[in-house]
Amino acid sequence: MESKQLTLIPEKIANPKYRKVVLSELPPDEEILGQAPTLKLIESIKRFGILQPIVLTEGDNNSYLICEGRRRIKAARSAGLVSIPAHVYPSDWSPSEIISLVASQRQP
């Protein structure tokens, strides 16, 4: 008999779309809350790129809401990147705070 895994997280939220997002599609640094990136982070991104994708939700009019990765976005711009990897969740499932919590739990 085949057993099924019980999950409380719907498929569309458990498996976000992975895509490269052009930084110009995200809000400017002045509108992003949080700390400025350190020089060490900027240098690391110049050398290795973004290793951990940011987390976004789809907003209105083909825009995005940032759930996770504000410093990485700012550092990527400072490092001269044009696009960065992102996990993009649908806008109709849950508030961005919940998605951020779920994304944090997915990481090893």
N, C-alpha and C. Protein backbone atom coordinates (compact mmCIF):
# COMPACT_ATOMS: atom_id res chain seq x y z
N MET A 1 0.85 -1.18 0.00
CA MET A 1 0.00 0.00 0.00
C MET A 1 0.89 1.24 0.00
N GLU A 2 0.58 2.15 -0.86
CA GLU A 2 1.37 3.38 -0.99
C GLU A 2 0.94 4.40 0.06
N SER A 3 1.91 4.94 0.78
CA SER A 3 1.57 5.97 1.77
C SER A 3 1.82 7.35 1.16
N LYS A 4 1.04 8.30 1.60
CA LYS A 4 1.17 9.67 1.11
C LYS A 4 1.66 10.56 2.24
N GLN A 5 2.52 11.48 1.88
CA GLN A 5 3.06 12.44 2.83
C GLN A 5 2.00 13.50 3.13
N LEU A 6 1.70 13.70 4.39
CA LEU A 6 0.79 14.75 4.79
C LEU A 6 1.57 16.07 4.82
N THR A 7 1.04 17.08 4.17
CA THR A 7 1.72 18.38 4.18
C THR A 7 0.72 19.49 4.46
N LEU A 8 1.14 20.44 5.22
CA LEU A 8 0.30 21.59 5.53
C LEU A 8 0.56 22.75 4.58
N ILE A 9 1.60 22.61 3.76
CA ILE A 9 1.98 23.68 2.84
C ILE A 9 1.57 23.28 1.43
N PRO A 10 0.67 24.05 0.79
CA PRO A 10 0.25 23.71 -0.57
C PRO A 10 1.42 23.67 -1.54
N GLU A 11 1.27 22.88 -2.60
CA GLU A 11 2.33 22.68 -3.59
C GLU A 11 2.85 24.00 -4.14
N LYS A 12 1.97 24.95 -4.46
CA LYS A 12 2.43 26.19 -5.09
C LYS A 12 3.29 27.04 -4.16
N ILE A 13 3.14 26.87 -2.86
CA ILE A 13 3.98 27.63 -1.94
C ILE A 13 5.23 26.82 -1.55
N ALA A 14 5.12 25.51 -1.56
CA ALA A 14 6.27 24.67 -1.21
C ALA A 14 7.31 24.68 -2.33
N ASN A 15 6.89 24.91 -3.55
CA ASN A 15 7.79 24.90 -4.70
C ASN A 15 7.65 26.20 -5.50
N PRO A 16 8.32 27.25 -5.05
CA PRO A 16 8.20 28.53 -5.76
C PRO A 16 8.86 28.47 -7.13
N LYS A 17 8.51 29.43 -7.97
CA LYS A 17 9.17 29.53 -9.27
C LYS A 17 10.57 30.09 -9.06
N TYR A 18 11.53 29.48 -9.71
CA TYR A 18 12.90 29.97 -9.65
C TYR A 18 13.15 30.75 -10.94
N ARG A 19 13.64 31.98 -10.80
CA ARG A 19 13.95 32.77 -11.99
C ARG A 19 15.01 33.80 -11.68
N LYS A 20 15.60 34.31 -12.75
CA LYS A 20 16.51 35.46 -12.63
C LYS A 20 15.65 36.71 -12.71
N VAL A 21 15.84 37.61 -11.77
CA VAL A 21 15.08 38.86 -11.74
C VAL A 21 16.04 40.01 -12.02
N VAL A 22 15.65 40.86 -12.95
CA VAL A 22 16.45 42.04 -13.27
C VAL A 22 16.30 43.03 -12.12
N LEU A 23 17.42 43.52 -11.62
CA LEU A 23 17.41 44.41 -10.46
C LEU A 23 16.58 45.67 -10.68
N SER A 24 16.51 46.14 -11.91
CA SER A 24 15.72 47.35 -12.19
C SER A 24 14.22 47.10 -12.01
N GLU A 25 13.79 45.83 -11.93
CA GLU A 25 12.39 45.50 -11.69
C GLU A 25 12.03 45.56 -10.21
N LEU A 26 13.04 45.67 -9.36
CA LEU A 26 12.82 45.74 -7.92
C LEU A 26 12.86 47.18 -7.45
N PRO A 27 12.28 47.48 -6.29
CA PRO A 27 12.31 48.86 -5.78
C PRO A 27 13.73 49.38 -5.64
N PRO A 28 13.93 50.69 -5.79
CA PRO A 28 15.26 51.28 -5.60
C PRO A 28 15.72 51.11 -4.15
N ASP A 29 17.01 51.16 -3.94
CA ASP A 29 17.58 50.96 -2.60
C ASP A 29 16.96 51.89 -1.56
N GLU A 30 16.65 53.11 -1.95
CA GLU A 30 16.10 54.08 -1.01
C GLU A 30 14.75 53.64 -0.45
N GLU A 31 14.04 52.79 -1.19
CA GLU A 31 12.72 52.31 -0.75
C GLU A 31 12.78 50.97 -0.03
N ILE A 32 13.95 50.36 0.03
CA ILE A 32 14.10 49.05 0.66
C ILE A 32 14.57 49.26 2.10
N LEU A 33 13.76 48.79 3.04
CA LEU A 33 14.11 48.92 4.45
C LEU A 33 15.27 48.00 4.80
N GLY A 34 15.93 48.30 5.89
CA GLY A 34 17.00 47.42 6.37
C GLY A 34 18.37 48.06 6.26
N GLN A 35 19.33 47.32 6.76
CA GLN A 35 20.71 47.80 6.82
C GLN A 35 21.36 47.82 5.45
N ALA A 36 22.35 48.67 5.34
CA ALA A 36 23.18 48.70 4.13
C ALA A 36 24.08 47.47 4.14
N PRO A 37 24.43 46.97 2.97
CA PRO A 37 25.32 45.80 2.93
C PRO A 37 26.74 46.17 3.36
N THR A 38 27.43 45.21 3.91
CA THR A 38 28.83 45.43 4.30
C THR A 38 29.71 45.35 3.06
N LEU A 39 30.89 45.92 3.15
CA LEU A 39 31.86 45.82 2.05
C LEU A 39 32.25 44.37 1.80
N LYS A 40 32.29 43.59 2.87
CA LYS A 40 32.62 42.17 2.74
C LYS A 40 31.57 41.43 1.91
N LEU A 41 30.30 41.74 2.13
CA LEU A 41 29.22 41.13 1.34
C LEU A 41 29.31 41.55 -0.12
N ILE A 42 29.54 42.82 -0.36
CA ILE A 42 29.66 43.33 -1.73
C ILE A 42 30.82 42.64 -2.45
N GLU A 43 31.96 42.53 -1.79
CA GLU A 43 33.12 41.87 -2.40
C GLU A 43 32.85 40.39 -2.66
N SER A 44 32.15 39.74 -1.75
CA SER A 44 31.80 38.33 -1.94
C SER A 44 30.89 38.15 -3.16
N ILE A 45 29.94 39.03 -3.32
CA ILE A 45 29.03 38.96 -4.46
C ILE A 45 29.77 39.26 -5.76
N LYS A 46 30.71 40.18 -5.72
CA LYS A 46 31.53 40.44 -6.92
C LYS A 46 32.29 39.18 -7.33
N ARG A 47 32.78 38.47 -6.33
CA ARG A 47 33.62 37.30 -6.60
C ARG A 47 32.81 36.05 -6.95
N PHE A 48 31.72 35.79 -6.20
CA PHE A 48 30.99 34.54 -6.35
C PHE A 48 29.56 34.68 -6.88
N GLY A 49 29.05 35.91 -6.92
CA GLY A 49 27.64 36.11 -7.29
C GLY A 49 26.73 35.89 -6.09
N ILE A 50 25.45 35.84 -6.34
CA ILE A 50 24.47 35.59 -5.28
C ILE A 50 24.35 34.08 -5.10
N LEU A 51 24.72 33.57 -3.93
CA LEU A 51 24.70 32.14 -3.67
C LEU A 51 23.34 31.66 -3.16
N GLN A 52 22.64 32.50 -2.42
CA GLN A 52 21.33 32.17 -1.87
C GLN A 52 20.29 33.06 -2.55
N PRO A 53 19.37 32.49 -3.34
CA PRO A 53 18.38 33.32 -4.02
C PRO A 53 17.56 34.15 -3.03
N ILE A 54 17.14 35.33 -3.48
CA ILE A 54 16.25 36.16 -2.68
C ILE A 54 14.84 35.55 -2.76
N VAL A 55 13.93 36.02 -1.92
CA VAL A 55 12.56 35.51 -1.91
C VAL A 55 11.62 36.68 -2.19
N LEU A 56 10.77 36.51 -3.20
CA LEU A 56 9.82 37.55 -3.62
C LEU A 56 8.42 36.98 -3.71
N THR A 57 7.44 37.86 -3.66
CA THR A 57 6.08 37.50 -4.06
C THR A 57 5.72 38.37 -5.24
N GLU A 58 4.83 37.85 -6.05
CA GLU A 58 4.36 38.62 -7.21
C GLU A 58 3.45 39.73 -6.70
N GLY A 59 3.69 40.95 -7.17
CA GLY A 59 2.86 42.08 -6.78
C GLY A 59 1.93 42.48 -7.93
N ASP A 60 1.38 43.66 -7.84
CA ASP A 60 0.50 44.18 -8.89
C ASP A 60 1.32 44.68 -10.07
N ASN A 61 0.74 44.64 -11.25
CA ASN A 61 1.34 45.19 -12.47
C ASN A 61 2.76 44.68 -12.73
N ASN A 62 2.95 43.36 -12.65
CA ASN A 62 4.25 42.75 -12.90
C ASN A 62 5.35 43.27 -11.98
N SER A 63 4.99 43.60 -10.76
CA SER A 63 5.99 44.05 -9.79
C SER A 63 6.23 42.93 -8.77
N TYR A 64 7.18 43.15 -7.90
CA TYR A 64 7.52 42.16 -6.87
C TYR A 64 7.52 42.82 -5.50
N LEU A 65 7.19 42.02 -4.49
CA LEU A 65 7.33 42.42 -3.10
C LEU A 65 8.48 41.60 -2.52
N ILE A 66 9.36 42.24 -1.79
CA ILE A 66 10.54 41.56 -1.25
C ILE A 66 10.20 40.94 0.10
N CYS A 67 10.40 39.63 0.21
CA CYS A 67 10.21 38.93 1.49
C CYS A 67 11.53 38.73 2.21
N GLU A 68 12.56 38.41 1.43
CA GLU A 68 13.86 38.08 2.00
C GLU A 68 14.96 38.49 1.03
N GLY A 69 16.05 39.04 1.57
CA GLY A 69 17.20 39.33 0.71
C GLY A 69 17.43 40.80 0.43
N ARG A 70 16.93 41.67 1.28
CA ARG A 70 17.08 43.11 1.03
C ARG A 70 18.55 43.54 0.93
N ARG A 71 19.38 43.05 1.85
CA ARG A 71 20.81 43.42 1.79
C ARG A 71 21.49 42.83 0.56
N ARG A 72 21.08 41.62 0.16
CA ARG A 72 21.66 41.02 -1.04
C ARG A 72 21.31 41.82 -2.29
N ILE A 73 20.10 42.36 -2.33
CA ILE A 73 19.69 43.20 -3.47
C ILE A 73 20.57 44.44 -3.53
N LYS A 74 20.72 45.12 -2.40
CA LYS A 74 21.53 46.34 -2.35
C LYS A 74 22.99 46.04 -2.68
N ALA A 75 23.50 44.93 -2.15
CA ALA A 75 24.89 44.56 -2.41
C ALA A 75 25.09 44.19 -3.87
N ALA A 76 24.13 43.50 -4.46
CA ALA A 76 24.24 43.12 -5.87
C ALA A 76 24.30 44.36 -6.76
N ARG A 77 23.52 45.36 -6.43
CA ARG A 77 23.59 46.62 -7.20
C ARG A 77 24.96 47.27 -7.03
N SER A 78 25.45 47.30 -5.80
CA SER A 78 26.76 47.90 -5.55
C SER A 78 27.87 47.12 -6.25
N ALA A 79 27.68 45.81 -6.42
CA ALA A 79 28.67 44.97 -7.08
C ALA A 79 28.57 45.04 -8.61
N GLY A 80 27.55 45.73 -9.10
CA GLY A 80 27.41 45.90 -10.54
C GLY A 80 26.63 44.81 -11.26
N LEU A 81 25.91 43.95 -10.51
CA LEU A 81 25.12 42.92 -11.16
C LEU A 81 23.88 43.52 -11.83
N VAL A 82 23.39 42.86 -12.83
CA VAL A 82 22.19 43.30 -13.55
C VAL A 82 20.97 42.49 -13.11
N SER A 83 21.18 41.20 -12.83
CA SER A 83 20.08 40.34 -12.39
C SER A 83 20.58 39.40 -11.29
N ILE A 84 19.62 38.88 -10.53
CA ILE A 84 19.96 37.96 -9.44
C ILE A 84 18.92 36.83 -9.39
N PRO A 85 19.31 35.69 -8.80
CA PRO A 85 18.36 34.58 -8.68
C PRO A 85 17.33 34.86 -7.60
N ALA A 86 16.11 34.37 -7.85
CA ALA A 86 15.03 34.59 -6.89
C ALA A 86 14.07 33.41 -6.88
N HIS A 87 13.50 33.15 -5.72
CA HIS A 87 12.36 32.25 -5.59
C HIS A 87 11.15 33.16 -5.55
N VAL A 88 10.24 32.97 -6.48
CA VAL A 88 9.06 33.85 -6.58
C VAL A 88 7.81 33.07 -6.24
N TYR A 89 7.10 33.53 -5.22
CA TYR A 89 5.86 32.91 -4.78
C TYR A 89 4.66 33.65 -5.35
N PRO A 90 3.54 32.96 -5.54
CA PRO A 90 2.34 33.63 -6.05
C PRO A 90 1.79 34.62 -5.03
N SER A 91 1.14 35.65 -5.53
CA SER A 91 0.63 36.71 -4.64
C SER A 91 -0.65 36.32 -3.91
N ASP A 92 -1.36 35.33 -4.42
CA ASP A 92 -2.69 35.04 -3.88
C ASP A 92 -2.71 34.03 -2.75
N TRP A 93 -1.55 33.56 -2.30
CA TRP A 93 -1.60 32.53 -1.29
C TRP A 93 -1.58 33.06 0.13
N SER A 94 -0.65 33.94 0.44
CA SER A 94 -0.46 34.34 1.82
C SER A 94 0.33 35.64 1.91
N PRO A 95 0.25 36.33 3.02
CA PRO A 95 1.08 37.53 3.20
C PRO A 95 2.57 37.22 3.10
N SER A 96 3.34 38.21 2.70
CA SER A 96 4.77 38.00 2.51
C SER A 96 5.48 37.58 3.79
N GLU A 97 4.97 37.96 4.95
CA GLU A 97 5.59 37.57 6.22
C GLU A 97 5.53 36.06 6.41
N ILE A 98 4.41 35.44 6.03
CA ILE A 98 4.25 33.99 6.15
C ILE A 98 5.18 33.29 5.17
N ILE A 99 5.26 33.81 3.95
CA ILE A 99 6.12 33.21 2.94
C ILE A 99 7.57 33.29 3.38
N SER A 100 7.96 34.39 3.97
CA SER A 100 9.33 34.53 4.47
C SER A 100 9.62 33.48 5.54
N LEU A 101 8.66 33.24 6.41
CA LEU A 101 8.82 32.21 7.45
C LEU A 101 8.96 30.83 6.82
N VAL A 102 8.11 30.51 5.85
CA VAL A 102 8.18 29.21 5.17
C VAL A 102 9.52 29.06 4.46
N ALA A 103 9.99 30.12 3.79
CA ALA A 103 11.26 30.07 3.08
C ALA A 103 12.41 29.82 4.06
N SER A 104 12.33 30.40 5.23
CA SER A 104 13.39 30.20 6.23
C SER A 104 13.42 28.75 6.69
N GLN A 105 12.27 28.11 6.77
CA GLN A 105 12.19 26.72 7.22
C GLN A 105 12.67 25.73 6.17
N ARG A 106 12.66 26.13 4.88
CA ARG A 106 13.10 25.24 3.80
C ARG A 106 14.59 25.04 3.78
N GLN A 107 15.33 25.99 4.30
CA GLN A 107 16.78 25.94 4.18
C GLN A 107 17.35 24.93 5.17
N PRO A 108 18.40 24.21 4.74
CA PRO A 108 18.99 23.20 5.64
C PRO A 108 19.69 23.81 6.82
